Amino acid sequence: MQDTKTRVLEVSASGRTARSASRKLTQDLIAALEDRLGNVQTVRRDLSKGMPFVDAAWIEANFTPEESRTAQHRDALAFSDSLVTELKDADVLVIGTPIYNFSIPAALKAWIDMIARARLTFRYTDNGPKGLLEGKKAYIVVATGGVPVGSAVDFATPHLKHVLEFIGISDVEVIAADRLNSRAEESMDAARTRIADVVHLETRAA
């Protein structure tokens, strides 16, 4: 147990709700964190409720220096700003996602586009981009019907790990329940065992 509050941001990308394997596992993971840490505050961002896409107004506003932005620019960026604030405020990021057609759902890609913001979550330097969200922990919880996670046809987890590294989050654990169409019970059990293992090791190290 610890006295310091741990702030968790849960980002759920599945189009399913009650029957979603990734949602069930993220809840198991957060429950394990609560059990081990004792003082956890969770903010939930459900992407299935709808996400805006980058458009011309957003691009114009984002590339306008902050001191020169108009009220229309600020309105265009308001939702993106709120997502960035959620992410900045979190100590732990939990992304729960299925793999759709070998990659991440469109809503999760839209969330990435909204939070990958120069000067807010990364900056350009003479040595290339540098992430600004260092010191955070991330868990990627992935569920698939037939795609083996980590295989040559898994374009979801490498993409997510690269994006997180790009914004400064390099401490990432992947928890997979894959090939659920053929081995659902076995895969879910393995994922829950991994949750128990990684949470135990992380909280003991802390």
C-alpha atoms as a PDB file:
ATOM      1  CA  MET A   1       0.000   0.000   0.000  1.00  0.00           C
ATOM      2  CA  GLN A   2       1.072   3.574  -0.549  1.00  0.00           C
ATOM      3  CA  ASP A   3      -0.340   6.914   0.512  1.00  0.00           C
ATOM      4  CA  THR A   4       0.395   8.782  -2.719  1.00  0.00           C
ATOM      5  CA  LYS A   5      -2.479   8.804  -5.175  1.00  0.00           C
ATOM      6  CA  THR A   6      -1.777   7.103  -8.508  1.00  0.00           C
ATOM      7  CA  ARG A   7      -3.638   8.701 -11.390  1.00  0.00           C
ATOM      8  CA  VAL A   8      -4.646   6.259 -14.122  1.00  0.00           C
ATOM      9  CA  LEU A   9      -5.954   7.193 -17.567  1.00  0.00           C
ATOM     10  CA  GLU A  10      -7.876   4.368 -19.205  1.00  0.00           C
ATOM     11  CA  VAL A  11      -8.347   4.720 -22.965  1.00  0.00           C
ATOM     12  CA  SER A  12     -10.803   2.155 -24.367  1.00  0.00           C
ATOM     13  CA  ALA A  13     -10.962   1.716 -28.127  1.00  0.00           C
ATOM     14  CA  SER A  14     -13.221  -1.299 -28.628  1.00  0.00           C
ATOM     15  CA  GLY A  15     -16.472  -0.763 -30.490  1.00  0.00           C
ATOM     16  CA  ARG A  16     -17.975  -3.373 -28.209  1.00  0.00           C
ATOM     17  CA  THR A  17     -19.011  -2.735 -24.628  1.00  0.00           C
ATOM     18  CA  ALA A  18     -20.268  -5.631 -22.492  1.00  0.00           C
ATOM     19  CA  ARG A  19     -18.722  -8.342 -24.699  1.00  0.00           C
ATOM     20  CA  SER A  20     -15.372  -6.658 -25.223  1.00  0.00           C
ATOM     21  CA  ALA A  21     -12.390  -8.775 -24.197  1.00  0.00           C
ATOM     22  CA  SER A  22     -10.051  -5.767 -24.103  1.00  0.00           C
ATOM     23  CA  ARG A  23     -12.449  -3.850 -21.825  1.00  0.00           C
ATOM     24  CA  LYS A  24     -12.727  -6.812 -19.457  1.00  0.00           C
ATOM     25  CA  LEU A  25      -8.958  -7.082 -19.242  1.00  0.00           C
ATOM     26  CA  THR A  26      -8.367  -3.367 -18.686  1.00  0.00           C
ATOM     27  CA  GLN A  27     -10.842  -3.546 -15.813  1.00  0.00           C
ATOM     28  CA  ASP A  28      -8.929  -6.528 -14.406  1.00  0.00           C
ATOM     29  CA  LEU A  29      -5.682  -4.575 -14.746  1.00  0.00           C
ATOM     30  CA  ILE A  30      -7.028  -1.475 -13.024  1.00  0.00           C
ATOM     31  CA  ALA A  31      -8.538  -3.603 -10.258  1.00  0.00           C
ATOM     32  CA  ALA A  32      -5.120  -5.226  -9.748  1.00  0.00           C
ATOM     33  CA  LEU A  33      -3.477  -1.800  -9.563  1.00  0.00           C
ATOM     34  CA  GLU A  34      -6.074  -0.652  -7.036  1.00  0.00           C
ATOM     35  CA  ASP A  35      -5.515  -3.777  -4.972  1.00  0.00           C
ATOM     36  CA  ARG A  36      -1.741  -3.355  -4.954  1.00  0.00           C
ATOM     37  CA  LEU A  37      -1.497   0.441  -4.698  1.00  0.00           C
ATOM     38  CA  GLY A  38      -4.548   1.182  -2.584  1.00  0.00           C
ATOM     39  CA  ASN A  39      -5.047   4.783  -3.719  1.00  0.00           C
ATOM     40  CA  VAL A  40      -5.888   4.934  -7.420  1.00  0.00           C
ATOM     41  CA  GLN A  41      -7.891   7.592  -9.228  1.00  0.00           C
ATOM     42  CA  THR A  42      -9.039   6.506 -12.683  1.00  0.00           C
ATOM     43  CA  VAL A  43     -10.154   8.753 -15.531  1.00  0.00           C
ATOM     44  CA  ARG A  44     -11.908   6.833 -18.303  1.00  0.00           C
ATOM     45  CA  ARG A  45     -11.871   7.923 -21.939  1.00  0.00           C
ATOM     46  CA  ASP A  46     -14.209   5.740 -24.028  1.00  0.00           C
ATOM     47  CA  LEU A  47     -13.332   6.297 -27.668  1.00  0.00           C
ATOM     48  CA  SER A  48     -16.371   4.343 -28.893  1.00  0.00           C
ATOM     49  CA  LYS A  49     -18.483   7.376 -27.997  1.00  0.00           C
ATOM     50  CA  GLY A  50     -16.919   9.209 -30.935  1.00  0.00           C
ATOM     51  CA  MET A  51     -13.704  11.035 -31.735  1.00  0.00           C
ATOM     52  CA  PRO A  52     -13.117  13.992 -34.042  1.00  0.00           C
ATOM     53  CA  PHE A  53     -10.627  13.689 -36.859  1.00  0.00           C
ATOM     54  CA  VAL A  54      -7.920  16.167 -37.774  1.00  0.00           C
ATOM     55  CA  ASP A  55      -9.312  18.638 -40.311  1.00  0.00           C
ATOM     56  CA  ALA A  56      -8.211  21.864 -41.973  1.00  0.00           C
ATOM     57  CA  ALA A  57      -9.384  24.054 -39.079  1.00  0.00           C
ATOM     58  CA  TRP A  58      -7.505  21.926 -36.547  1.00  0.00           C
ATOM     59  CA  ILE A  59      -4.309  21.940 -38.619  1.00  0.00           C
ATOM     60  CA  GLU A  60      -4.417  25.707 -39.082  1.00  0.00           C
ATOM     61  CA  ALA A  61      -4.980  26.241 -35.355  1.00  0.00           C
ATOM     62  CA  ASN A  62      -2.300  23.776 -34.299  1.00  0.00           C
ATOM     63  CA  PHE A  63       0.348  25.356 -36.524  1.00  0.00           C
ATOM     64  CA  THR A  64      -0.515  28.885 -35.415  1.00  0.00           C
ATOM     65  CA  PRO A  65       1.739  30.064 -32.549  1.00  0.00           C
ATOM     66  CA  GLU A  66      -0.207  30.056 -29.289  1.00  0.00           C
ATOM     67  CA  GLU A  67       0.152  33.796 -28.760  1.00  0.00           C
ATOM     68  CA  SER A  68      -1.362  34.435 -32.211  1.00  0.00           C
ATOM     69  CA  ARG A  69      -4.365  32.107 -31.978  1.00  0.00           C
ATOM     70  CA  THR A  70      -7.824  33.519 -32.428  1.00  0.00           C
ATOM     71  CA  ALA A  71     -10.948  32.436 -30.557  1.00  0.00           C
ATOM     72  CA  GLN A  72     -11.762  30.181 -33.528  1.00  0.00           C
ATOM     73  CA  HIS A  73      -8.316  28.567 -33.277  1.00  0.00           C
ATOM     74  CA  ARG A  74      -8.800  27.923 -29.565  1.00  0.00           C
ATOM     75  CA  ASP A  75     -12.230  26.428 -30.211  1.00  0.00           C
ATOM     76  CA  ALA A  76     -10.772  24.122 -32.867  1.00  0.00           C
ATOM     77  CA  LEU A  77      -8.152  22.842 -30.413  1.00  0.00           C
ATOM     78  CA  ALA A  78     -10.284  22.755 -27.250  1.00  0.00           C
ATOM     79  CA  PHE A  79     -11.114  19.040 -27.319  1.00  0.00           C
ATOM     80  CA  SER A  80      -7.555  18.093 -28.267  1.00  0.00           C
ATOM     81  CA  ASP A  81      -6.277  20.274 -25.409  1.00  0.00           C
ATOM     82  CA  SER A  82      -8.535  18.424 -22.963  1.00  0.00           C
ATOM     83  CA  LEU A  83      -7.193  15.054 -24.131  1.00  0.00           C
ATOM     84  CA  VAL A  84      -3.605  16.271 -23.748  1.00  0.00           C
ATOM     85  CA  THR A  85      -4.381  17.487 -20.215  1.00  0.00           C
ATOM     86  CA  GLU A  86      -5.835  14.079 -19.295  1.00  0.00           C
ATOM     87  CA  LEU A  87      -2.690  12.394 -20.551  1.00  0.00           C
ATOM     88  CA  LYS A  88      -0.311  14.829 -18.871  1.00  0.00           C
ATOM     89  CA  ASP A  89      -2.118  14.433 -15.540  1.00  0.00           C
ATOM     90  CA  ALA A  90      -1.869  10.625 -15.580  1.00  0.00           C
ATOM     91  CA  ASP A  91       0.859   8.634 -13.859  1.00  0.00           C
ATOM     92  CA  VAL A  92      -0.245   5.427 -15.610  1.00  0.00           C
ATOM     93  CA  LEU A  93      -1.784   5.049 -19.061  1.00  0.00           C
ATOM     94  CA  VAL A  94      -3.876   1.966 -19.825  1.00  0.00           C
ATOM     95  CA  ILE A  95      -4.828   1.516 -23.476  1.00  0.00           C
ATOM     96  CA  GLY A  96      -7.329  -1.229 -24.178  1.00  0.00           C
ATOM     97  CA  THR A  97      -7.801  -2.058 -27.832  1.00  0.00           C
ATOM     98  CA  PRO A  98      -8.809  -4.796 -30.239  1.00  0.00           C
ATOM     99  CA  ILE A  99      -6.977  -5.326 -33.484  1.00  0.00           C
ATOM    100  CA  TYR A 100      -9.213  -4.510 -36.428  1.00  0.00           C
ATOM    101  CA  ASN A 101      -7.923  -5.572 -39.846  1.00  0.00           C
ATOM    102  CA  PHE A 102      -4.373  -6.001 -38.515  1.00  0.00           C
ATOM    103  CA  SER A 103      -4.145  -2.554 -36.903  1.00  0.00           C
ATOM    104  CA  ILE A 104      -5.748  -0.246 -34.352  1.00  0.00           C
ATOM    105  CA  PRO A 105      -9.348   1.042 -34.576  1.00  0.00           C
ATOM    106  CA  ALA A 106      -9.852   4.382 -36.328  1.00  0.00           C
ATOM    107  CA  ALA A 107     -10.991   5.990 -33.063  1.00  0.00           C
ATOM    108  CA  LEU A 108      -7.677   5.147 -31.397  1.00  0.00           C
ATOM    109  CA  LYS A 109      -5.736   6.572 -34.344  1.00  0.00           C
ATOM    110  CA  ALA A 110      -7.848   9.728 -34.028  1.00  0.00           C
ATOM    111  CA  TRP A 111      -6.965   9.927 -30.303  1.00  0.00           C
ATOM    112  CA  ILE A 112      -3.271   9.628 -31.177  1.00  0.00           C
ATOM    113  CA  ASP A 113      -3.595  12.424 -33.721  1.00  0.00           C
ATOM    114  CA  MET A 114      -5.239  14.599 -31.063  1.00  0.00           C
ATOM    115  CA  ILE A 115      -2.553  14.059 -28.405  1.00  0.00           C
ATOM    116  CA  ALA A 116       0.626  13.998 -30.520  1.00  0.00           C
ATOM    117  CA  ARG A 117       1.146  17.751 -30.310  1.00  0.00           C
ATOM    118  CA  ALA A 118       4.430  19.567 -30.907  1.00  0.00           C
ATOM    119  CA  ARG A 119       5.361  21.751 -27.915  1.00  0.00           C
ATOM    120  CA  LEU A 120       2.852  19.904 -25.703  1.00  0.00           C
ATOM    121  CA  THR A 121       3.696  16.195 -25.812  1.00  0.00           C
ATOM    122  CA  PHE A 122       6.887  16.333 -27.897  1.00  0.00           C
ATOM    123  CA  ARG A 123       9.261  18.964 -29.213  1.00  0.00           C
ATOM    124  CA  TYR A 124      11.694  19.246 -32.077  1.00  0.00           C
ATOM    125  CA  THR A 125      15.385  19.533 -31.253  1.00  0.00           C
ATOM    126  CA  ASP A 126      18.608  19.645 -33.236  1.00  0.00           C
ATOM    127  CA  ASN A 127      18.851  15.904 -32.633  1.00  0.00           C
ATOM    128  CA  GLY A 128      15.301  15.139 -33.721  1.00  0.00           C
ATOM    129  CA  PRO A 129      11.977  14.913 -31.862  1.00  0.00           C
ATOM    130  CA  LYS A 130      12.003  14.492 -28.072  1.00  0.00           C
ATOM    131  CA  GLY A 131       9.050  13.229 -26.060  1.00  0.00           C
ATOM    132  CA  LEU A 132       7.894  15.418 -23.182  1.00  0.00           C
ATOM    133  CA  LEU A 133       5.879  12.862 -21.165  1.00  0.00           C
ATOM    134  CA  GLU A 134       8.738  10.987 -19.542  1.00  0.00           C
ATOM    135  CA  GLY A 135       8.277   9.199 -16.225  1.00  0.00           C
ATOM    136  CA  LYS A 136       4.930   7.606 -17.015  1.00  0.00           C
ATOM    137  CA  LYS A 137       4.038   3.925 -17.130  1.00  0.00           C
ATOM    138  CA  ALA A 138       1.879   2.501 -19.930  1.00  0.00           C
ATOM    139  CA  TYR A 139       0.050  -0.769 -20.389  1.00  0.00           C
ATOM    140  CA  ILE A 140      -1.245  -1.799 -23.807  1.00  0.00           C
ATOM    141  CA  VAL A 141      -4.009  -4.395 -23.467  1.00  0.00           C
ATOM    142  CA  VAL A 142      -4.674  -6.008 -26.846  1.00  0.00           C
ATOM    143  CA  ALA A 143      -7.370  -8.484 -27.850  1.00  0.00           C
ATOM    144  CA  THR A 144      -7.521 -10.188 -31.239  1.00  0.00           C
ATOM    145  CA  GLY A 145      -9.769 -12.662 -32.965  1.00  0.00           C
ATOM    146  CA  GLY A 146      -7.111 -14.325 -35.090  1.00  0.00           C
ATOM    147  CA  VAL A 147      -3.982 -12.163 -35.288  1.00  0.00           C
ATOM    148  CA  PRO A 148      -1.065 -13.402 -33.158  1.00  0.00           C
ATOM    149  CA  VAL A 149       0.216 -10.415 -31.182  1.00  0.00           C
ATOM    150  CA  GLY A 150       3.872  -9.766 -32.007  1.00  0.00           C
ATOM    151  CA  SER A 151       3.658 -11.514 -35.357  1.00  0.00           C
ATOM    152  CA  ALA A 152       4.481 -10.082 -38.774  1.00  0.00           C
ATOM    153  CA  VAL A 153       0.815  -9.218 -39.329  1.00  0.00           C
ATOM    154  CA  ASP A 154       0.394  -7.351 -36.038  1.00  0.00           C
ATOM    155  CA  PHE A 155       0.661  -3.699 -37.051  1.00  0.00           C
ATOM    156  CA  ALA A 156      -1.103  -2.481 -33.908  1.00  0.00           C
ATOM    157  CA  THR A 157       1.253  -3.043 -30.988  1.00  0.00           C
ATOM    158  CA  PRO A 158       4.437  -1.845 -32.766  1.00  0.00           C
ATOM    159  CA  HIS A 159       2.600   1.313 -33.825  1.00  0.00           C
ATOM    160  CA  LEU A 160       1.331   2.012 -30.305  1.00  0.00           C
ATOM    161  CA  LYS A 161       4.729   1.379 -28.719  1.00  0.00           C
ATOM    162  CA  HIS A 162       6.398   3.684 -31.249  1.00  0.00           C
ATOM    163  CA  VAL A 163       3.870   6.478 -30.651  1.00  0.00           C
ATOM    164  CA  LEU A 164       4.280   6.206 -26.883  1.00  0.00           C
ATOM    165  CA  GLU A 165       8.063   6.286 -27.216  1.00  0.00           C
ATOM    166  CA  PHE A 166       7.733   9.319 -29.505  1.00  0.00           C
ATOM    167  CA  ILE A 167       5.900  11.291 -26.796  1.00  0.00           C
ATOM    168  CA  GLY A 168       8.323  10.142 -24.103  1.00  0.00           C
ATOM    169  CA  ILE A 169       6.647   7.058 -22.618  1.00  0.00           C
ATOM    170  CA  SER A 170       9.183   4.257 -22.902  1.00  0.00           C
ATOM    171  CA  ASP A 171       8.109   2.084 -19.942  1.00  0.00           C
ATOM    172  CA  VAL A 172       5.462   0.002 -21.723  1.00  0.00           C
ATOM    173  CA  GLU A 173       4.024  -3.437 -21.004  1.00  0.00           C
ATOM    174  CA  VAL A 174       1.941  -5.338 -23.562  1.00  0.00           C
ATOM    175  CA  ILE A 175      -0.766  -7.678 -22.270  1.00  0.00           C
ATOM    176  CA  ALA A 176      -2.273  -9.788 -25.030  1.00  0.00           C
ATOM    177  CA  ALA A 177      -5.313 -11.986 -25.378  1.00  0.00           C
ATOM    178  CA  ASP A 178      -4.890 -13.059 -28.970  1.00  0.00           C
ATOM    179  CA  ARG A 179      -6.489 -15.595 -31.294  1.00  0.00           C
ATOM    180  CA  LEU A 180      -9.673 -15.532 -29.229  1.00  0.00           C
ATOM    181  CA  ASN A 181     -11.656 -17.128 -32.054  1.00  0.00           C
ATOM    182  CA  SER A 182      -9.786 -20.396 -31.578  1.00  0.00           C
ATOM    183  CA  ARG A 183      -8.565 -20.347 -27.960  1.00  0.00           C
ATOM    184  CA  ALA A 184     -10.596 -17.828 -26.008  1.00  0.00           C
ATOM    185  CA  GLU A 185     -10.454 -19.340 -22.529  1.00  0.00           C
ATOM    186  CA  GLU A 186      -6.749 -20.176 -22.728  1.00  0.00           C
ATOM    187  CA  SER A 187      -5.841 -16.736 -24.049  1.00  0.00           C
ATOM    188  CA  MET A 188      -7.912 -14.812 -21.492  1.00  0.00           C
ATOM    189  CA  ASP A 189      -6.437 -16.886 -18.663  1.00  0.00           C
ATOM    190  CA  ALA A 190      -2.916 -16.205 -19.934  1.00  0.00           C
ATOM    191  CA  ALA A 191      -3.633 -12.477 -20.129  1.00  0.00           C
ATOM    192  CA  ARG A 192      -4.953 -12.408 -16.565  1.00  0.00           C
ATOM    193  CA  THR A 193      -1.902 -14.299 -15.351  1.00  0.00           C
ATOM    194  CA  ARG A 194       0.326 -11.731 -17.045  1.00  0.00           C
ATOM    195  CA  ILE A 195      -1.640  -8.899 -15.435  1.00  0.00           C
ATOM    196  CA  ALA A 196      -1.022 -10.411 -12.010  1.00  0.00           C
ATOM    197  CA  ASP A 197       2.670 -10.875 -12.780  1.00  0.00           C
ATOM    198  CA  VAL A 198       3.398  -7.404 -14.185  1.00  0.00           C
ATOM    199  CA  VAL A 199       1.417  -5.560 -11.501  1.00  0.00           C
ATOM    200  CA  HIS A 200       3.149  -7.534  -8.748  1.00  0.00           C
ATOM    201  CA  LEU A 201       6.605  -6.843 -10.198  1.00  0.00           C
ATOM    202  CA  GLU A 202       5.921  -3.164 -10.845  1.00  0.00           C
ATOM    203  CA  THR A 203       4.463  -2.411  -7.440  1.00  0.00           C
ATOM    204  CA  ARG A 204       7.203  -4.376  -5.668  1.00  0.00           C
ATOM    205  CA  ALA A 205       9.846  -2.415  -7.591  1.00  0.00           C
ATOM    206  CA  ALA A 206       8.125   0.858  -6.647  1.00  0.00           C
END
